[in-house]
C-alpha atoms as a PDB file:
ATOM      1  CA  UNK A   1     -59.647  -3.844 -12.189  1.00  0.00           C
ATOM      2  CA  UNK A   2     -58.531  -2.365 -15.485  1.00  0.00           C
ATOM      3  CA  UNK A   3     -55.354  -0.258 -15.282  1.00  0.00           C
ATOM      4  CA  UNK A   4     -56.087   3.517 -15.109  1.00  0.00           C
ATOM      5  CA  UNK A   5     -52.534   5.217 -16.012  1.00  0.00           C
ATOM      6  CA  UNK A   6     -49.548   4.124 -18.157  1.00  0.00           C
ATOM      7  CA  UNK A   7     -47.395   4.457 -14.907  1.00  0.00           C
ATOM      8  CA  UNK A   8     -50.034   1.761 -13.311  1.00  0.00           C
ATOM      9  CA  UNK A   9     -49.220  -0.804 -16.430  1.00  0.00           C
ATOM     10  CA  UNK A  10     -45.387  -0.564 -16.045  1.00  0.00           C
ATOM     11  CA  UNK A  11     -46.114  -1.392 -12.236  1.00  0.00           C
ATOM     12  CA  UNK A  12     -48.332  -4.637 -13.059  1.00  0.00           C
ATOM     13  CA  UNK A  13     -45.780  -5.416 -15.917  1.00  0.00           C
ATOM     14  CA  UNK A  14     -42.762  -5.104 -13.458  1.00  0.00           C
ATOM     15  CA  UNK A  15     -44.585  -7.337 -11.252  1.00  0.00           C
ATOM     16  CA  UNK A  16     -45.383  -9.789 -13.592  1.00  0.00           C
ATOM     17  CA  UNK A  17     -41.421  -9.991 -14.074  1.00  0.00           C
ATOM     18  CA  UNK A  18     -40.696 -10.495 -10.750  1.00  0.00           C
ATOM     19  CA  UNK A  19     -43.428 -13.457 -10.506  1.00  0.00           C
ATOM     20  CA  UNK A  20     -45.611 -11.462  -7.893  1.00  0.00           C
ATOM     21  CA  UNK A  21     -48.578 -11.764  -9.970  1.00  0.00           C
ATOM     22  CA  UNK A  22     -49.744 -14.274 -12.654  1.00  0.00           C
ATOM     23  CA  UNK A  23     -49.441 -13.856 -16.296  1.00  0.00           C
ATOM     24  CA  UNK A  24     -53.070 -14.049 -16.430  1.00  0.00           C
ATOM     25  CA  UNK A  25     -54.011 -11.445 -14.327  1.00  0.00           C
ATOM     26  CA  UNK A  26     -52.085  -9.198 -16.216  1.00  0.00           C
ATOM     27  CA  UNK A  27     -53.327  -9.793 -19.219  1.00  0.00           C
ATOM     28  CA  UNK A  28     -56.701  -9.867 -18.018  1.00  0.00           C
ATOM     29  CA  UNK A  29     -56.182  -6.103 -16.541  1.00  0.00           C
ATOM     30  CA  UNK A  30     -54.317  -4.858 -19.733  1.00  0.00           C
ATOM     31  CA  UNK A  31     -57.410  -6.224 -21.788  1.00  0.00           C
ATOM     32  CA  UNK A  32     -59.828  -4.628 -19.507  1.00  0.00           C
ATOM     33  CA  UNK A  33     -57.972  -1.200 -20.113  1.00  0.00           C
ATOM     34  CA  UNK A  34     -58.024  -1.592 -23.902  1.00  0.00           C
ATOM     35  CA  UNK A  35     -55.952   0.115 -26.343  1.00  0.00           C
ATOM     36  CA  UNK A  36     -56.792   3.822 -25.320  1.00  0.00           C
ATOM     37  CA  UNK A  37     -54.788   5.897 -24.607  1.00  0.00           C
ATOM     38  CA  UNK A  38     -53.933   6.017 -20.812  1.00  0.00           C
ATOM     39  CA  UNK A  39     -52.956   9.375 -18.970  1.00  0.00           C
ATOM     40  CA  UNK A  40     -49.313   9.006 -17.506  1.00  0.00           C
ATOM     41  CA  UNK A  41     -50.456   9.239 -13.984  1.00  0.00           C
ATOM     42  CA  UNK A  42     -53.917   9.644 -12.396  1.00  0.00           C
ATOM     43  CA  UNK A  43     -54.964  11.862  -9.253  1.00  0.00           C
ATOM     44  CA  UNK A  44     -57.046  10.861  -6.529  1.00  0.00           C
ATOM     45  CA  UNK A  45     -60.384  12.802  -6.411  1.00  0.00           C
ATOM     46  CA  UNK A  46     -61.290  15.665  -3.946  1.00  0.00           C
ATOM     47  CA  UNK A  47     -63.894  15.281  -1.461  1.00  0.00           C
ATOM     48  CA  UNK A  48     -66.464  18.339  -1.229  1.00  0.00           C
ATOM     49  CA  UNK A  49     -66.139  19.466   1.959  1.00  0.00           C
ATOM     50  CA  UNK A  50     -69.503  18.887   4.114  1.00  0.00           C
ATOM     51  CA  UNK A  51     -69.770  22.816   4.643  1.00  0.00           C
ATOM     52  CA  UNK A  52     -70.082  23.662   1.158  1.00  0.00           C
ATOM     53  CA  UNK A  53     -72.576  20.988   0.393  1.00  0.00           C
ATOM     54  CA  UNK A  54     -74.542  22.584   3.368  1.00  0.00           C
ATOM     55  CA  UNK A  55     -73.931  26.087   1.982  1.00  0.00           C
ATOM     56  CA  UNK A  56     -75.480  24.853  -1.430  1.00  0.00           C
ATOM     57  CA  UNK A  57     -78.338  23.447   0.136  1.00  0.00           C
ATOM     58  CA  UNK A  58     -79.160  26.386   1.568  1.00  0.00           C
ATOM     59  CA  UNK A  59     -78.788  28.990  -1.159  1.00  0.00           C
ATOM     60  CA  UNK A  60     -81.205  26.674  -3.202  1.00  0.00           C
ATOM     61  CA  UNK A  61     -84.264  27.463  -0.980  1.00  0.00           C
END
């Protein structure tokens, strides 16, 4: 599981200091994230409502 945000990276670093996760696990996740600039926070994707999908199908016909 790669880290997706800077907030998540800080949280995992805190867990590492507290001894709740192994250093190997933290390093692996940190390596997967790479050097790319991460956003501060990531919001969940909104689900499309079923009603909209049905309406779009009808419009295509």
